[in-house]
Amino acid sequence: MMLTYRLVRLIESHSEQLAHGLLEKVHSSERTTDFRKIPAAELEVRVREIYQNLGDWLLRKTEADIQRRYNEIGARRASQGVRLSQMIWAIIGVKEHLWEFLKREGLVDRPVELLSELELFSLLDQFFDRAIYHATVGYEQVFADRGKARGAERRHGERRGVTAVHHQHW
């Protein structure tokens, strides 16, 4: 676990570099064109936040913490007009960019280090799988809420129409 902690600290200490590299990928990819609608500063803060606080997210945060944060992110992306597929691809991109960084660092020399790296990858997979799920739930909730609001407006409009017709007969 100590080496896993060291790997996490390495990632956190390179959070600026990781965030910058990922933003370049997101802005140049045809799979994430909707992210060009998001102010660059906002996106950079969100990406850097993940990398800077990775230890907390992997080792201390609960499922409820991940749910709360990623429901919010999903809802925000939906309200910004980012397609669901592109939001999911961007989250996958965060994870893949991180893996590429760890591979470049080449920290694995001994079997113990390999086990620690596998443990870290397992924690990362679990975290990002949950992040994708909860972001999707938050995203879908925006559209469910919009549908409920439209239904309520229609029902309210129909009632007004019935009342208006009723008054015309008197």
C-alpha atoms as a PDB file:
ATOM      1  CA  MET A   1       0.000   0.000   0.000  1.00  0.00           C
ATOM      2  CA  MET A   2       2.942   2.338   0.632  1.00  0.00           C
ATOM      3  CA  LEU A   3       4.030   2.201  -3.009  1.00  0.00           C
ATOM      4  CA  THR A   4       0.436   2.796  -4.126  1.00  0.00           C
ATOM      5  CA  TYR A   5       0.442   5.892  -1.953  1.00  0.00           C
ATOM      6  CA  ARG A   6       3.750   6.993  -3.546  1.00  0.00           C
ATOM      7  CA  LEU A   7       2.303   6.518  -7.040  1.00  0.00           C
ATOM      8  CA  VAL A   8      -0.746   8.580  -6.104  1.00  0.00           C
ATOM      9  CA  ARG A   9       1.510  11.349  -4.748  1.00  0.00           C
ATOM     10  CA  LEU A  10       3.496  11.261  -8.010  1.00  0.00           C
ATOM     11  CA  ILE A  11       0.274  11.804  -9.957  1.00  0.00           C
ATOM     12  CA  GLU A  12      -0.832  14.604  -7.654  1.00  0.00           C
ATOM     13  CA  SER A  13       2.529  16.359  -7.932  1.00  0.00           C
ATOM     14  CA  HIS A  14       2.218  16.310 -11.749  1.00  0.00           C
ATOM     15  CA  SER A  15      -1.440  17.406 -11.777  1.00  0.00           C
ATOM     16  CA  GLU A  16      -0.757  20.615 -13.734  1.00  0.00           C
ATOM     17  CA  GLN A  17       1.127  18.752 -16.458  1.00  0.00           C
ATOM     18  CA  LEU A  18      -1.517  15.996 -16.580  1.00  0.00           C
ATOM     19  CA  ALA A  19      -4.393  18.489 -16.739  1.00  0.00           C
ATOM     20  CA  HIS A  20      -2.759  20.505 -19.516  1.00  0.00           C
ATOM     21  CA  GLY A  21      -2.030  17.404 -21.611  1.00  0.00           C
ATOM     22  CA  LEU A  22      -5.548  16.068 -21.175  1.00  0.00           C
ATOM     23  CA  LEU A  23      -7.135  19.391 -22.119  1.00  0.00           C
ATOM     24  CA  GLU A  24      -5.141  19.406 -25.335  1.00  0.00           C
ATOM     25  CA  LYS A  25      -6.456  15.918 -26.133  1.00  0.00           C
ATOM     26  CA  VAL A  26     -10.068  16.816 -25.297  1.00  0.00           C
ATOM     27  CA  HIS A  27      -9.991  20.003 -27.375  1.00  0.00           C
ATOM     28  CA  SER A  28      -8.407  18.307 -30.388  1.00  0.00           C
ATOM     29  CA  SER A  29     -10.434  15.089 -30.398  1.00  0.00           C
ATOM     30  CA  GLU A  30     -13.372  14.607 -32.740  1.00  0.00           C
ATOM     31  CA  ARG A  31     -14.998  12.505 -30.000  1.00  0.00           C
ATOM     32  CA  THR A  32     -15.245  15.453 -27.611  1.00  0.00           C
ATOM     33  CA  THR A  33     -16.169  18.423 -29.802  1.00  0.00           C
ATOM     34  CA  ASP A  34     -18.982  19.481 -27.432  1.00  0.00           C
ATOM     35  CA  PHE A  35     -16.373  20.257 -24.788  1.00  0.00           C
ATOM     36  CA  ARG A  36     -15.368  23.291 -26.855  1.00  0.00           C
ATOM     37  CA  LYS A  37     -18.603  24.886 -25.536  1.00  0.00           C
ATOM     38  CA  ILE A  38     -17.275  24.752 -21.974  1.00  0.00           C
ATOM     39  CA  PRO A  39     -15.110  27.631 -20.802  1.00  0.00           C
ATOM     40  CA  ALA A  40     -11.497  26.396 -20.859  1.00  0.00           C
ATOM     41  CA  ALA A  41     -10.854  27.676 -17.323  1.00  0.00           C
ATOM     42  CA  GLU A  42     -13.792  25.675 -15.936  1.00  0.00           C
ATOM     43  CA  LEU A  43     -12.690  22.491 -17.639  1.00  0.00           C
ATOM     44  CA  GLU A  44      -9.093  22.955 -16.517  1.00  0.00           C
ATOM     45  CA  VAL A  45     -10.165  23.408 -12.884  1.00  0.00           C
ATOM     46  CA  ARG A  46     -12.265  20.217 -12.983  1.00  0.00           C
ATOM     47  CA  VAL A  47      -9.513  18.120 -14.561  1.00  0.00           C
ATOM     48  CA  ARG A  48      -6.797  19.452 -12.275  1.00  0.00           C
ATOM     49  CA  GLU A  49      -9.082  18.852  -9.282  1.00  0.00           C
ATOM     50  CA  ILE A  50      -9.274  15.143 -10.112  1.00  0.00           C
ATOM     51  CA  TYR A  51      -5.519  14.747 -10.475  1.00  0.00           C
ATOM     52  CA  GLN A  52      -4.595  16.958  -7.494  1.00  0.00           C
ATOM     53  CA  ASN A  53      -6.946  15.144  -5.141  1.00  0.00           C
ATOM     54  CA  LEU A  54      -6.581  11.633  -6.516  1.00  0.00           C
ATOM     55  CA  GLY A  55      -5.448  10.208  -3.174  1.00  0.00           C
ATOM     56  CA  ASP A  56      -8.594  11.464  -1.477  1.00  0.00           C
ATOM     57  CA  TRP A  57     -10.807  10.151  -4.267  1.00  0.00           C
ATOM     58  CA  LEU A  58      -9.180   6.712  -4.276  1.00  0.00           C
ATOM     59  CA  LEU A  59      -8.426   6.164  -0.608  1.00  0.00           C
ATOM     60  CA  ARG A  60     -10.782   8.325   1.479  1.00  0.00           C
ATOM     61  CA  LYS A  61     -13.894   9.327  -0.433  1.00  0.00           C
ATOM     62  CA  THR A  62     -17.001   7.198  -0.112  1.00  0.00           C
ATOM     63  CA  GLU A  63     -19.411   6.059  -2.787  1.00  0.00           C
ATOM     64  CA  ALA A  64     -21.744   8.853  -1.615  1.00  0.00           C
ATOM     65  CA  ASP A  65     -18.979  11.435  -2.201  1.00  0.00           C
ATOM     66  CA  ILE A  66     -18.387  10.143  -5.725  1.00  0.00           C
ATOM     67  CA  GLN A  67     -22.132  10.039  -6.351  1.00  0.00           C
ATOM     68  CA  ARG A  68     -22.644  13.630  -5.202  1.00  0.00           C
ATOM     69  CA  ARG A  69     -19.723  15.053  -7.190  1.00  0.00           C
ATOM     70  CA  TYR A  70     -20.296  13.169 -10.410  1.00  0.00           C
ATOM     71  CA  ASN A  71     -24.085  13.606 -10.398  1.00  0.00           C
ATOM     72  CA  GLU A  72     -23.300  17.324 -10.293  1.00  0.00           C
ATOM     73  CA  ILE A  73     -20.773  17.059 -13.133  1.00  0.00           C
ATOM     74  CA  GLY A  74     -23.197  15.039 -15.278  1.00  0.00           C
ATOM     75  CA  ALA A  75     -25.991  17.546 -14.707  1.00  0.00           C
ATOM     76  CA  ARG A  76     -23.657  20.435 -15.530  1.00  0.00           C
ATOM     77  CA  ARG A  77     -22.512  18.830 -18.787  1.00  0.00           C
ATOM     78  CA  ALA A  78     -26.131  18.138 -19.798  1.00  0.00           C
ATOM     79  CA  SER A  79     -27.068  21.774 -19.154  1.00  0.00           C
ATOM     80  CA  GLN A  80     -24.044  22.857 -21.243  1.00  0.00           C
ATOM     81  CA  GLY A  81     -25.240  20.800 -24.215  1.00  0.00           C
ATOM     82  CA  VAL A  82     -22.517  18.150 -24.064  1.00  0.00           C
ATOM     83  CA  ARG A  83     -23.723  14.868 -25.510  1.00  0.00           C
ATOM     84  CA  LEU A  84     -23.715  11.915 -23.113  1.00  0.00           C
ATOM     85  CA  SER A  85     -21.359   9.879 -25.302  1.00  0.00           C
ATOM     86  CA  GLN A  86     -18.847  12.726 -25.316  1.00  0.00           C
ATOM     87  CA  MET A  87     -19.046  13.197 -21.552  1.00  0.00           C
ATOM     88  CA  ILE A  88     -18.375   9.486 -21.029  1.00  0.00           C
ATOM     89  CA  TRP A  89     -15.508   9.542 -23.535  1.00  0.00           C
ATOM     90  CA  ALA A  90     -13.937  12.491 -21.690  1.00  0.00           C
ATOM     91  CA  ILE A  91     -14.055  10.645 -18.351  1.00  0.00           C
ATOM     92  CA  ILE A  92     -12.497   7.597 -19.986  1.00  0.00           C
ATOM     93  CA  GLY A  93      -9.875   9.961 -21.413  1.00  0.00           C
ATOM     94  CA  VAL A  94      -8.967  11.186 -17.920  1.00  0.00           C
ATOM     95  CA  LYS A  95      -8.254   7.610 -16.866  1.00  0.00           C
ATOM     96  CA  GLU A  96      -6.356   6.653 -20.037  1.00  0.00           C
ATOM     97  CA  HIS A  97      -4.246   9.802 -19.862  1.00  0.00           C
ATOM     98  CA  LEU A  98      -3.338   8.868 -16.307  1.00  0.00           C
ATOM     99  CA  TRP A  99      -2.358   5.330 -17.321  1.00  0.00           C
ATOM    100  CA  GLU A 100      -0.189   6.681 -20.135  1.00  0.00           C
ATOM    101  CA  PHE A 101       1.590   8.925 -17.624  1.00  0.00           C
ATOM    102  CA  LEU A 102       2.255   6.013 -15.269  1.00  0.00           C
ATOM    103  CA  LYS A 103       3.583   3.870 -18.132  1.00  0.00           C
ATOM    104  CA  ARG A 104       5.929   6.673 -19.226  1.00  0.00           C
ATOM    105  CA  GLU A 105       7.228   7.012 -15.685  1.00  0.00           C
ATOM    106  CA  GLY A 106       8.206   3.316 -15.784  1.00  0.00           C
ATOM    107  CA  LEU A 107       8.223   2.856 -12.041  1.00  0.00           C
ATOM    108  CA  VAL A 108       7.920  -0.908 -12.083  1.00  0.00           C
ATOM    109  CA  ASP A 109      11.231  -2.664 -11.475  1.00  0.00           C
ATOM    110  CA  ARG A 110      10.359  -5.413  -9.006  1.00  0.00           C
ATOM    111  CA  PRO A 111       7.388  -7.752  -8.491  1.00  0.00           C
ATOM    112  CA  VAL A 112       6.339  -5.839  -5.358  1.00  0.00           C
ATOM    113  CA  GLU A 113       6.140  -2.650  -7.389  1.00  0.00           C
ATOM    114  CA  LEU A 114       4.126  -4.440 -10.059  1.00  0.00           C
ATOM    115  CA  LEU A 115       1.626  -5.553  -7.416  1.00  0.00           C
ATOM    116  CA  SER A 116       1.339  -2.001  -6.129  1.00  0.00           C
ATOM    117  CA  GLU A 117       0.786  -0.687  -9.627  1.00  0.00           C
ATOM    118  CA  LEU A 118      -1.900  -3.325 -10.221  1.00  0.00           C
ATOM    119  CA  GLU A 119      -3.532  -2.319  -6.940  1.00  0.00           C
ATOM    120  CA  LEU A 120      -3.516   1.310  -8.075  1.00  0.00           C
ATOM    121  CA  PHE A 121      -4.986   0.384 -11.471  1.00  0.00           C
ATOM    122  CA  SER A 122      -7.715  -1.564  -9.708  1.00  0.00           C
ATOM    123  CA  LEU A 123      -8.542   1.439  -7.512  1.00  0.00           C
ATOM    124  CA  LEU A 124      -8.507   3.722 -10.552  1.00  0.00           C
ATOM    125  CA  ASP A 125     -10.808   1.419 -12.501  1.00  0.00           C
ATOM    126  CA  GLN A 126     -13.243   1.253  -9.621  1.00  0.00           C
ATOM    127  CA  PHE A 127     -13.214   5.028  -9.153  1.00  0.00           C
ATOM    128  CA  PHE A 128     -13.659   5.869 -12.842  1.00  0.00           C
ATOM    129  CA  ASP A 129     -16.371   3.222 -13.332  1.00  0.00           C
ATOM    130  CA  ARG A 130     -18.323   4.813 -10.502  1.00  0.00           C
ATOM    131  CA  ALA A 131     -17.610   8.312 -11.805  1.00  0.00           C
ATOM    132  CA  ILE A 132     -19.015   7.365 -15.226  1.00  0.00           C
ATOM    133  CA  TYR A 133     -22.101   5.779 -13.688  1.00  0.00           C
ATOM    134  CA  HIS A 134     -22.887   8.701 -11.373  1.00  0.00           C
ATOM    135  CA  ALA A 135     -22.158  11.328 -14.027  1.00  0.00           C
ATOM    136  CA  THR A 136     -24.582   9.501 -16.324  1.00  0.00           C
ATOM    137  CA  VAL A 137     -27.252   9.435 -13.612  1.00  0.00           C
ATOM    138  CA  GLY A 138     -26.815  13.186 -13.051  1.00  0.00           C
ATOM    139  CA  TYR A 139     -26.942  13.779 -16.798  1.00  0.00           C
ATOM    140  CA  GLU A 140     -30.122  11.735 -17.230  1.00  0.00           C
ATOM    141  CA  GLN A 141     -31.761  13.450 -14.271  1.00  0.00           C
ATOM    142  CA  VAL A 142     -31.593  16.799 -16.076  1.00  0.00           C
ATOM    143  CA  PHE A 143     -33.646  15.384 -18.935  1.00  0.00           C
ATOM    144  CA  ALA A 144     -36.037  13.575 -16.603  1.00  0.00           C
ATOM    145  CA  ASP A 145     -36.624  16.845 -14.730  1.00  0.00           C
ATOM    146  CA  ARG A 146     -37.183  18.710 -18.007  1.00  0.00           C
ATOM    147  CA  GLY A 147     -39.696  16.062 -19.083  1.00  0.00           C
ATOM    148  CA  LYS A 148     -41.572  16.343 -15.785  1.00  0.00           C
ATOM    149  CA  ALA A 149     -41.621  20.137 -16.080  1.00  0.00           C
ATOM    150  CA  ARG A 150     -43.007  19.936 -19.634  1.00  0.00           C
ATOM    151  CA  GLY A 151     -45.638  17.443 -18.535  1.00  0.00           C
ATOM    152  CA  ALA A 152     -46.677  19.696 -15.667  1.00  0.00           C
ATOM    153  CA  GLU A 153     -46.858  22.678 -18.017  1.00  0.00           C
ATOM    154  CA  ARG A 154     -49.027  20.698 -20.430  1.00  0.00           C
ATOM    155  CA  ARG A 155     -51.338  19.543 -17.665  1.00  0.00           C
ATOM    156  CA  HIS A 156     -51.574  23.068 -16.297  1.00  0.00           C
ATOM    157  CA  GLY A 157     -52.272  24.429 -19.803  1.00  0.00           C
ATOM    158  CA  GLU A 158     -54.949  21.792 -20.404  1.00  0.00           C
ATOM    159  CA  ARG A 159     -56.655  22.693 -17.135  1.00  0.00           C
ATOM    160  CA  ARG A 160     -56.627  26.371 -18.084  1.00  0.00           C
ATOM    161  CA  GLY A 161     -58.083  25.478 -21.460  1.00  0.00           C
ATOM    162  CA  VAL A 162     -60.879  23.463 -19.830  1.00  0.00           C
ATOM    163  CA  THR A 163     -61.608  26.306 -17.427  1.00  0.00           C
ATOM    164  CA  ALA A 164     -61.686  28.825 -20.273  1.00  0.00           C
ATOM    165  CA  VAL A 165     -64.064  26.638 -22.277  1.00  0.00           C
ATOM    166  CA  HIS A 166     -66.205  26.091 -19.176  1.00  0.00           C
ATOM    167  CA  HIS A 167     -66.526  29.859 -18.619  1.00  0.00           C
ATOM    168  CA  GLN A 168     -67.455  30.465 -22.250  1.00  0.00           C
ATOM    169  CA  HIS A 169     -70.524  28.269 -21.855  1.00  0.00           C
ATOM    170  CA  TRP A 170     -71.905  30.332 -18.984  1.00  0.00           C
END
